[in-house]
Amino acid sequence: MSGDVAISLMLAVPDAPAAAAWYMEALGANELWSLGSVIGLEVEGAPFFLAEPEGNGWSSPSDVGTTTVRVEIFVDDPDSLVARAMTAGADGTPSYPERDPAISRGLH
């Protein structure tokens, strides 16, 4: 395999516009494009996508009762990012035991 490789994340959400608004507030995401039920966003150049499942073989976390994906964001100042997300309503309970506090944070 040669050339650039990109991995994209598409998160299943029950309401894509509401989720996009939260990511914009909580993480400073910018909207790249919107088809209504599918929205492309980016945080500091890192793209990700939100989509409303419609009987197509996947479900949102609220439907299955657990986290369905783990997303890791690497930034220079994780404490500021976590504080911003918590102000926007994220649950700051660690989702896994703390390791190096400079790099390990859990948000729900």
N, C-alpha and C. Protein backbone atom coordinates (compact mmCIF):
# COMPACT_ATOMS: atom_id res chain seq x y z
N MET A 1 0.85 -1.17 0.00
CA MET A 1 0.00 0.00 0.00
C MET A 1 0.90 1.23 0.00
N SER A 2 0.61 2.16 -0.84
CA SER A 2 1.41 3.37 -0.88
C SER A 2 0.50 4.58 -0.87
N GLY A 3 1.09 5.74 -0.61
CA GLY A 3 0.31 6.97 -0.56
C GLY A 3 -0.23 7.24 0.83
N ASP A 4 -1.00 8.31 0.93
CA ASP A 4 -1.58 8.69 2.20
C ASP A 4 -2.73 7.77 2.57
N VAL A 5 -2.88 7.53 3.86
CA VAL A 5 -3.98 6.73 4.37
C VAL A 5 -4.74 7.58 5.36
N ALA A 6 -6.06 7.54 5.29
CA ALA A 6 -6.89 8.26 6.25
C ALA A 6 -7.91 7.27 6.80
N ILE A 7 -8.18 7.37 8.08
CA ILE A 7 -9.22 6.57 8.71
C ILE A 7 -10.32 7.53 9.13
N SER A 8 -11.54 7.24 8.72
CA SER A 8 -12.63 8.11 9.12
C SER A 8 -13.51 7.40 10.12
N LEU A 9 -14.11 8.17 10.98
CA LEU A 9 -15.05 7.67 11.97
C LEU A 9 -16.43 8.19 11.63
N MET A 10 -17.41 7.30 11.63
CA MET A 10 -18.79 7.72 11.49
C MET A 10 -19.50 7.24 12.75
N LEU A 11 -20.03 8.18 13.50
CA LEU A 11 -20.70 7.88 14.76
C LEU A 11 -22.20 7.80 14.54
N ALA A 12 -22.81 6.74 15.04
CA ALA A 12 -24.25 6.60 14.98
C ALA A 12 -24.88 7.46 16.07
N VAL A 13 -25.79 8.32 15.68
CA VAL A 13 -26.46 9.22 16.62
C VAL A 13 -27.95 9.26 16.28
N PRO A 14 -28.82 9.44 17.29
CA PRO A 14 -30.26 9.49 17.00
C PRO A 14 -30.70 10.77 16.32
N ASP A 15 -29.94 11.87 16.48
CA ASP A 15 -30.30 13.17 15.92
C ASP A 15 -29.01 13.86 15.47
N ALA A 16 -28.69 13.74 14.19
CA ALA A 16 -27.42 14.26 13.68
C ALA A 16 -27.27 15.78 13.87
N PRO A 17 -28.27 16.60 13.55
CA PRO A 17 -28.10 18.03 13.77
C PRO A 17 -27.85 18.40 15.24
N ALA A 18 -28.57 17.74 16.17
CA ALA A 18 -28.35 18.02 17.59
C ALA A 18 -26.96 17.58 18.02
N ALA A 19 -26.52 16.41 17.55
CA ALA A 19 -25.18 15.93 17.89
C ALA A 19 -24.12 16.85 17.32
N ALA A 20 -24.31 17.30 16.08
CA ALA A 20 -23.34 18.21 15.47
C ALA A 20 -23.24 19.51 16.27
N ALA A 21 -24.38 20.02 16.71
CA ALA A 21 -24.37 21.25 17.51
C ALA A 21 -23.58 21.03 18.80
N TRP A 22 -23.75 19.85 19.42
CA TRP A 22 -23.00 19.56 20.65
C TRP A 22 -21.51 19.49 20.36
N TYR A 23 -21.09 18.78 19.33
CA TYR A 23 -19.67 18.69 19.01
C TYR A 23 -19.07 20.05 18.67
N MET A 24 -19.86 20.92 18.04
CA MET A 24 -19.37 22.27 17.75
C MET A 24 -19.15 23.06 19.04
N GLU A 25 -20.10 22.94 19.97
CA GLU A 25 -19.97 23.64 21.24
C GLU A 25 -18.89 23.01 22.11
N ALA A 26 -18.93 21.70 22.26
CA ALA A 26 -18.06 21.00 23.21
C ALA A 26 -16.62 20.91 22.76
N LEU A 27 -16.40 20.67 21.48
CA LEU A 27 -15.03 20.43 21.00
C LEU A 27 -14.55 21.47 20.00
N GLY A 28 -15.39 22.43 19.69
CA GLY A 28 -14.98 23.44 18.71
C GLY A 28 -14.97 22.90 17.29
N ALA A 29 -15.78 21.86 17.03
CA ALA A 29 -15.84 21.27 15.68
C ALA A 29 -16.41 22.27 14.69
N ASN A 30 -16.03 22.09 13.44
CA ASN A 30 -16.57 22.89 12.34
C ASN A 30 -17.31 21.96 11.40
N GLU A 31 -18.43 22.43 10.89
CA GLU A 31 -19.19 21.62 9.94
C GLU A 31 -18.53 21.69 8.57
N LEU A 32 -18.28 20.54 7.97
CA LEU A 32 -17.73 20.47 6.62
C LEU A 32 -18.86 20.46 5.60
N TRP A 33 -19.91 19.69 5.89
CA TRP A 33 -21.09 19.58 5.03
C TRP A 33 -22.21 18.91 5.81
N SER A 34 -23.43 19.04 5.32
CA SER A 34 -24.57 18.41 5.97
C SER A 34 -25.58 17.95 4.94
N LEU A 35 -26.02 16.71 5.09
CA LEU A 35 -27.12 16.16 4.31
C LEU A 35 -28.35 15.98 5.20
N GLY A 36 -28.33 16.61 6.38
CA GLY A 36 -29.42 16.49 7.34
C GLY A 36 -29.19 15.35 8.31
N SER A 37 -29.36 14.12 7.83
CA SER A 37 -29.18 12.96 8.72
C SER A 37 -27.75 12.43 8.70
N VAL A 38 -26.90 12.98 7.85
CA VAL A 38 -25.47 12.65 7.80
C VAL A 38 -24.71 13.96 7.71
N ILE A 39 -23.76 14.14 8.64
CA ILE A 39 -23.05 15.43 8.73
C ILE A 39 -21.55 15.17 8.87
N GLY A 40 -20.76 15.90 8.09
CA GLY A 40 -19.31 15.84 8.19
C GLY A 40 -18.81 17.00 9.04
N LEU A 41 -17.96 16.69 10.00
CA LEU A 41 -17.38 17.70 10.89
C LEU A 41 -15.87 17.53 10.91
N GLU A 42 -15.19 18.51 11.48
CA GLU A 42 -13.75 18.38 11.73
C GLU A 42 -13.38 19.15 12.97
N VAL A 43 -12.37 18.62 13.67
CA VAL A 43 -11.78 19.30 14.82
C VAL A 43 -10.31 19.50 14.49
N GLU A 44 -9.92 20.75 14.32
CA GLU A 44 -8.53 21.09 14.01
C GLU A 44 -7.98 20.27 12.85
N GLY A 45 -8.79 20.09 11.80
CA GLY A 45 -8.35 19.37 10.61
C GLY A 45 -8.61 17.88 10.62
N ALA A 46 -9.05 17.31 11.74
CA ALA A 46 -9.34 15.88 11.82
C ALA A 46 -10.83 15.66 11.54
N PRO A 47 -11.17 15.05 10.40
CA PRO A 47 -12.58 14.88 10.06
C PRO A 47 -13.23 13.69 10.78
N PHE A 48 -14.53 13.81 11.02
CA PHE A 48 -15.35 12.69 11.50
C PHE A 48 -16.77 12.97 11.06
N PHE A 49 -17.61 11.95 11.16
CA PHE A 49 -18.94 12.03 10.58
C PHE A 49 -19.99 11.53 11.56
N LEU A 50 -21.17 12.09 11.46
CA LEU A 50 -22.32 11.70 12.28
C LEU A 50 -23.42 11.22 11.34
N ALA A 51 -24.11 10.16 11.72
CA ALA A 51 -25.20 9.67 10.88
C ALA A 51 -26.28 9.05 11.73
N GLU A 52 -27.51 9.20 11.28
CA GLU A 52 -28.66 8.61 11.94
C GLU A 52 -28.91 7.23 11.32
N PRO A 53 -28.76 6.14 12.10
CA PRO A 53 -29.04 4.81 11.56
C PRO A 53 -30.50 4.69 11.13
N GLU A 54 -30.71 4.04 10.02
CA GLU A 54 -32.07 3.87 9.51
C GLU A 54 -32.27 2.43 9.05
N GLY A 55 -32.19 1.50 10.02
CA GLY A 55 -32.40 0.10 9.70
C GLY A 55 -31.32 -0.46 8.78
N ASN A 56 -30.11 0.07 8.91
CA ASN A 56 -29.03 -0.34 8.01
C ASN A 56 -27.93 -1.13 8.72
N GLY A 57 -28.27 -1.81 9.81
CA GLY A 57 -27.33 -2.71 10.45
C GLY A 57 -26.47 -2.13 11.55
N TRP A 58 -26.72 -0.92 11.96
CA TRP A 58 -25.98 -0.35 13.10
C TRP A 58 -26.93 0.50 13.92
N SER A 59 -26.55 0.78 15.16
CA SER A 59 -27.42 1.50 16.08
C SER A 59 -26.64 2.52 16.87
N SER A 60 -27.36 3.49 17.39
CA SER A 60 -26.73 4.51 18.23
C SER A 60 -26.54 3.97 19.64
N PRO A 61 -25.63 4.55 20.40
CA PRO A 61 -25.41 4.10 21.78
C PRO A 61 -26.68 4.10 22.63
N SER A 62 -27.55 5.09 22.43
CA SER A 62 -28.78 5.14 23.23
C SER A 62 -29.70 3.95 22.91
N ASP A 63 -29.63 3.42 21.71
CA ASP A 63 -30.46 2.27 21.34
C ASP A 63 -29.93 0.97 21.93
N VAL A 64 -28.61 0.83 22.01
CA VAL A 64 -28.04 -0.44 22.49
C VAL A 64 -27.62 -0.38 23.95
N GLY A 65 -27.65 0.82 24.54
CA GLY A 65 -27.38 0.95 25.97
C GLY A 65 -25.92 0.91 26.37
N THR A 66 -25.03 1.15 25.43
CA THR A 66 -23.60 1.18 25.75
C THR A 66 -22.86 2.00 24.70
N THR A 67 -21.62 2.31 24.99
CA THR A 67 -20.78 3.00 24.02
C THR A 67 -20.56 2.08 22.83
N THR A 68 -20.66 2.61 21.63
CA THR A 68 -20.50 1.79 20.43
C THR A 68 -19.21 2.07 19.68
N VAL A 69 -18.48 3.07 20.10
CA VAL A 69 -17.20 3.40 19.47
C VAL A 69 -16.34 4.14 20.48
N ARG A 70 -15.06 3.99 20.36
CA ARG A 70 -14.13 4.75 21.19
C ARG A 70 -13.40 5.70 20.27
N VAL A 71 -13.47 6.97 20.58
CA VAL A 71 -12.83 7.99 19.77
C VAL A 71 -11.73 8.62 20.61
N GLU A 72 -10.55 8.68 20.06
CA GLU A 72 -9.43 9.31 20.76
C GLU A 72 -9.03 10.57 20.01
N ILE A 73 -8.90 11.65 20.75
CA ILE A 73 -8.50 12.93 20.18
C ILE A 73 -7.19 13.32 20.85
N PHE A 74 -6.18 13.58 20.05
CA PHE A 74 -4.88 13.97 20.57
C PHE A 74 -4.69 15.46 20.34
N VAL A 75 -4.56 16.19 21.44
CA VAL A 75 -4.39 17.65 21.39
C VAL A 75 -3.28 18.05 22.35
N ASP A 76 -2.76 19.25 22.16
CA ASP A 76 -1.69 19.75 23.02
C ASP A 76 -2.17 20.01 24.44
N ASP A 77 -3.43 20.41 24.60
CA ASP A 77 -3.96 20.77 25.91
C ASP A 77 -5.22 19.97 26.21
N PRO A 78 -5.09 18.69 26.60
CA PRO A 78 -6.28 17.87 26.83
C PRO A 78 -7.16 18.38 27.96
N ASP A 79 -6.57 19.01 28.98
CA ASP A 79 -7.39 19.51 30.09
C ASP A 79 -8.39 20.55 29.62
N SER A 80 -7.98 21.44 28.72
CA SER A 80 -8.89 22.46 28.20
C SER A 80 -9.99 21.83 27.36
N LEU A 81 -9.64 20.82 26.56
CA LEU A 81 -10.64 20.15 25.74
C LEU A 81 -11.65 19.44 26.62
N VAL A 82 -11.19 18.73 27.65
CA VAL A 82 -12.09 18.02 28.56
C VAL A 82 -12.98 19.03 29.31
N ALA A 83 -12.41 20.12 29.77
CA ALA A 83 -13.20 21.13 30.49
C ALA A 83 -14.29 21.70 29.58
N ARG A 84 -13.94 21.97 28.33
CA ARG A 84 -14.92 22.52 27.39
C ARG A 84 -16.04 21.51 27.15
N ALA A 85 -15.69 20.24 26.96
CA ALA A 85 -16.69 19.21 26.73
C ALA A 85 -17.59 19.02 27.95
N MET A 86 -17.01 19.07 29.15
CA MET A 86 -17.81 18.91 30.36
C MET A 86 -18.76 20.09 30.54
N THR A 87 -18.32 21.30 30.20
CA THR A 87 -19.19 22.47 30.26
C THR A 87 -20.39 22.28 29.33
N ALA A 88 -20.17 21.57 28.22
CA ALA A 88 -21.24 21.32 27.25
C ALA A 88 -22.07 20.10 27.61
N GLY A 89 -21.78 19.45 28.77
CA GLY A 89 -22.63 18.37 29.25
C GLY A 89 -22.02 16.98 29.19
N ALA A 90 -20.76 16.83 28.80
CA ALA A 90 -20.14 15.50 28.80
C ALA A 90 -19.99 14.99 30.22
N ASP A 91 -20.04 13.68 30.35
CA ASP A 91 -19.82 13.04 31.64
C ASP A 91 -18.31 12.83 31.77
N GLY A 92 -17.69 13.42 32.74
CA GLY A 92 -16.25 13.33 32.91
C GLY A 92 -15.78 12.11 33.66
N THR A 93 -16.68 11.16 33.91
CA THR A 93 -16.29 9.93 34.60
C THR A 93 -15.33 9.15 33.71
N PRO A 94 -14.15 8.80 34.21
CA PRO A 94 -13.22 8.03 33.37
C PRO A 94 -13.87 6.73 32.89
N SER A 95 -13.70 6.46 31.61
CA SER A 95 -14.27 5.24 31.04
C SER A 95 -13.30 4.07 31.17
N TYR A 96 -12.11 4.34 31.66
CA TYR A 96 -11.10 3.31 31.90
C TYR A 96 -10.17 3.86 32.97
N PRO A 97 -9.42 3.01 33.66
CA PRO A 97 -8.55 3.50 34.73
C PRO A 97 -7.54 4.52 34.22
N GLU A 98 -7.28 5.52 35.03
CA GLU A 98 -6.29 6.54 34.67
C GLU A 98 -4.91 5.92 34.51
N ARG A 99 -4.25 6.34 33.49
CA ARG A 99 -2.85 5.98 33.30
C ARG A 99 -2.07 7.27 33.45
N ASP A 100 -1.40 7.70 32.44
CA ASP A 100 -0.70 8.98 32.49
C ASP A 100 -1.74 10.09 32.38
N PRO A 101 -1.92 10.89 33.43
CA PRO A 101 -2.98 11.90 33.39
C PRO A 101 -2.78 12.94 32.30
N ALA A 102 -1.59 13.05 31.75
CA ALA A 102 -1.36 14.02 30.66
C ALA A 102 -1.99 13.55 29.36
N ILE A 103 -2.23 12.22 29.21
CA ILE A 103 -2.76 11.74 27.95
C ILE A 103 -4.06 10.95 28.09
N SER A 104 -4.42 10.54 29.28
CA SER A 104 -5.61 9.69 29.44
C SER A 104 -6.77 10.47 30.01
N ARG A 105 -7.84 10.57 29.25
CA ARG A 105 -9.05 11.21 29.71
C ARG A 105 -10.22 10.39 29.19
N GLY A 106 -11.27 10.31 29.94
CA GLY A 106 -12.45 9.61 29.47
C GLY A 106 -13.66 10.52 29.50
N LEU A 107 -14.37 10.60 28.42
CA LEU A 107 -15.61 11.39 28.36
C LEU A 107 -16.71 10.52 27.80
N HIS A 108 -17.92 10.74 28.28
CA HIS A 108 -19.08 10.04 27.73
C HIS A 108 -20.03 11.09 27.19
